Structures are given as structure tokens and as C-alpha cells.
Amino acid sequence: MQLKNSVLRYGSLSIAMHWLVAGTVYGMFALGLWMVTQGYYDTWYHKAPELHKSIGMVLFVVMLVRVVWRFVSPPPKPLSS
């Protein structure tokens, strides 16, 4: 597979970034649901929000890279049908 997008299909980097972001968003949602079930004296009560924030910041950077990559390697043309 090619790294950059072609006229006919997406490149491997675009596909990998898409699924990385999608999986991370679902994981963040699950982590958020789990966090609200924690009691004040649970060990993860203070650690989980910090983990959630850290993953969110990394996700934001990946999204910025994804936007820049879209300008570097434009998406394929839409199908004619």
C-alpha cells in the first residue's frame, strides 16, 4: 500500500489515523463511563481523570496532524455514481 492518498483510494497513513482516532474516542467514552462509577476512596478516583486528560491532549494533537495531512495529501475524488 502507498502512504499518500491517490486519485482512487486513501493511503495507509490516512486509514491508520482514522482508525486510531476512532478507537481512541470509543476508549475515552468507555473510560469516562467507568470514571463516574468510582468512589472517592478508590485508588483510580484521582488517577483516571488525569489519564483521561492526557489521552485527550494526545488525541487533539493527532487530530491536528490529521488536518495538516489532509492538506498535504488531499482525499480521493468522489465516485461518479
C-alpha atoms as a PDB file:
ATOM      1  CA  MET A   1       0.000   0.000   0.000  1.00  0.00           C
ATOM      2  CA  GLN A   2       1.046   3.521  -0.575  1.00  0.00           C
ATOM      3  CA  LEU A   3       1.488   6.085   2.170  1.00  0.00           C
ATOM      4  CA  LYS A   4      -0.191   9.051   0.478  1.00  0.00           C
ATOM      5  CA  ASN A   5      -3.695   9.216  -0.942  1.00  0.00           C
ATOM      6  CA  SER A   6      -4.129   8.605  -4.653  1.00  0.00           C
ATOM      7  CA  VAL A   7      -6.861   9.718  -7.012  1.00  0.00           C
ATOM      8  CA  LEU A   8      -8.716   6.439  -6.461  1.00  0.00           C
ATOM      9  CA  ARG A   9      -8.173   5.499  -2.811  1.00  0.00           C
ATOM     10  CA  TYR A  10      -6.953   6.590   0.601  1.00  0.00           C
ATOM     11  CA  GLY A  11      -3.376   5.899   1.627  1.00  0.00           C
ATOM     12  CA  SER A  12      -2.326   3.718   4.538  1.00  0.00           C
ATOM     13  CA  LEU A  13      -1.438   6.688   6.769  1.00  0.00           C
ATOM     14  CA  SER A  14      -4.891   8.254   6.374  1.00  0.00           C
ATOM     15  CA  ILE A  15      -6.573   4.930   7.121  1.00  0.00           C
ATOM     16  CA  ALA A  16      -4.374   4.306  10.174  1.00  0.00           C
ATOM     17  CA  MET A  17      -5.009   7.792  11.596  1.00  0.00           C
ATOM     18  CA  HIS A  18      -8.754   7.383  11.043  1.00  0.00           C
ATOM     19  CA  TRP A  19      -8.944   4.106  12.980  1.00  0.00           C
ATOM     20  CA  LEU A  20      -6.566   5.348  15.681  1.00  0.00           C
ATOM     21  CA  VAL A  21      -8.802   8.358  16.332  1.00  0.00           C
ATOM     22  CA  ALA A  22     -11.994   6.279  16.166  1.00  0.00           C
ATOM     23  CA  GLY A  23     -10.699   3.675  18.607  1.00  0.00           C
ATOM     24  CA  THR A  24      -9.391   6.331  20.983  1.00  0.00           C
ATOM     25  CA  VAL A  25     -12.712   8.192  21.022  1.00  0.00           C
ATOM     26  CA  TYR A  26     -14.585   4.986  21.901  1.00  0.00           C
ATOM     27  CA  GLY A  27     -11.986   4.185  24.559  1.00  0.00           C
ATOM     28  CA  MET A  28     -12.283   7.671  26.051  1.00  0.00           C
ATOM     29  CA  PHE A  29     -16.063   7.295  26.199  1.00  0.00           C
ATOM     30  CA  ALA A  30     -15.732   3.953  27.993  1.00  0.00           C
ATOM     31  CA  LEU A  31     -13.158   5.418  30.383  1.00  0.00           C
ATOM     32  CA  GLY A  32     -15.481   8.329  31.130  1.00  0.00           C
ATOM     33  CA  LEU A  33     -18.376   5.988  31.896  1.00  0.00           C
ATOM     34  CA  TRP A  34     -16.144   3.910  34.156  1.00  0.00           C
ATOM     35  CA  MET A  35     -14.812   7.003  35.965  1.00  0.00           C
ATOM     36  CA  VAL A  36     -18.233   8.109  37.163  1.00  0.00           C
ATOM     37  CA  THR A  37     -18.726   4.779  38.964  1.00  0.00           C
ATOM     38  CA  GLN A  38     -15.622   5.284  41.133  1.00  0.00           C
ATOM     39  CA  GLY A  39     -15.984   6.194  44.781  1.00  0.00           C
ATOM     40  CA  TYR A  40     -13.893   8.883  46.431  1.00  0.00           C
ATOM     41  CA  TYR A  41     -11.668   6.351  48.202  1.00  0.00           C
ATOM     42  CA  ASP A  42     -10.986   4.174  45.146  1.00  0.00           C
ATOM     43  CA  THR A  43      -7.376   4.207  44.005  1.00  0.00           C
ATOM     44  CA  TRP A  44      -8.303   5.266  40.455  1.00  0.00           C
ATOM     45  CA  TYR A  45     -10.579   8.105  41.563  1.00  0.00           C
ATOM     46  CA  HIS A  46      -7.815  10.701  41.075  1.00  0.00           C
ATOM     47  CA  LYS A  47      -5.668   8.803  38.546  1.00  0.00           C
ATOM     48  CA  ALA A  48      -8.375   8.136  35.944  1.00  0.00           C
ATOM     49  CA  PRO A  49      -9.255  11.805  35.240  1.00  0.00           C
ATOM     50  CA  GLU A  50      -5.565  12.598  34.742  1.00  0.00           C
ATOM     51  CA  LEU A  51      -5.269   9.665  32.333  1.00  0.00           C
ATOM     52  CA  HIS A  52      -8.416  10.859  30.546  1.00  0.00           C
ATOM     53  CA  LYS A  53      -6.977  14.375  30.179  1.00  0.00           C
ATOM     54  CA  SER A  54      -3.625  13.083  28.932  1.00  0.00           C
ATOM     55  CA  ILE A  55      -5.191  10.837  26.310  1.00  0.00           C
ATOM     56  CA  GLY A  56      -7.439  13.738  25.265  1.00  0.00           C
ATOM     57  CA  MET A  57      -4.462  16.031  24.708  1.00  0.00           C
ATOM     58  CA  VAL A  58      -2.659  13.407  22.637  1.00  0.00           C
ATOM     59  CA  LEU A  59      -5.867  12.861  20.651  1.00  0.00           C
ATOM     60  CA  PHE A  60      -6.069  16.600  19.982  1.00  0.00           C
ATOM     61  CA  VAL A  61      -2.513  16.604  18.606  1.00  0.00           C
ATOM     62  CA  VAL A  62      -3.289  13.593  16.405  1.00  0.00           C
ATOM     63  CA  MET A  63      -6.373  15.405  15.087  1.00  0.00           C
ATOM     64  CA  LEU A  64      -4.232  18.457  14.237  1.00  0.00           C
ATOM     65  CA  VAL A  65      -1.770  16.206  12.405  1.00  0.00           C
ATOM     66  CA  ARG A  66      -4.704  14.638  10.580  1.00  0.00           C
ATOM     67  CA  VAL A  67      -5.944  18.046   9.397  1.00  0.00           C
ATOM     68  CA  VAL A  68      -2.462  19.028   8.215  1.00  0.00           C
ATOM     69  CA  TRP A  69      -2.119  15.657   6.452  1.00  0.00           C
ATOM     70  CA  ARG A  70      -5.381  16.315   4.610  1.00  0.00           C
ATOM     71  CA  PHE A  71      -3.803  19.421   3.033  1.00  0.00           C
ATOM     72  CA  VAL A  72      -0.566  17.572   2.230  1.00  0.00           C
ATOM     73  CA  SER A  73      -2.344  14.552   0.755  1.00  0.00           C
ATOM     74  CA  PRO A  74      -5.847  15.501  -0.466  1.00  0.00           C
ATOM     75  CA  PRO A  75      -8.597  12.861  -0.351  1.00  0.00           C
ATOM     76  CA  PRO A  76      -9.534  10.874  -3.451  1.00  0.00           C
ATOM     77  CA  LYS A  77     -12.132  12.210  -5.832  1.00  0.00           C
ATOM     78  CA  PRO A  78     -15.739  11.174  -5.163  1.00  0.00           C
ATOM     79  CA  LEU A  79     -17.262   8.367  -7.202  1.00  0.00           C
ATOM     80  CA  SER A  80     -19.149   9.427 -10.284  1.00  0.00           C
ATOM     81  CA  SER A  81     -22.204   7.312  -9.456  1.00  0.00           C
END
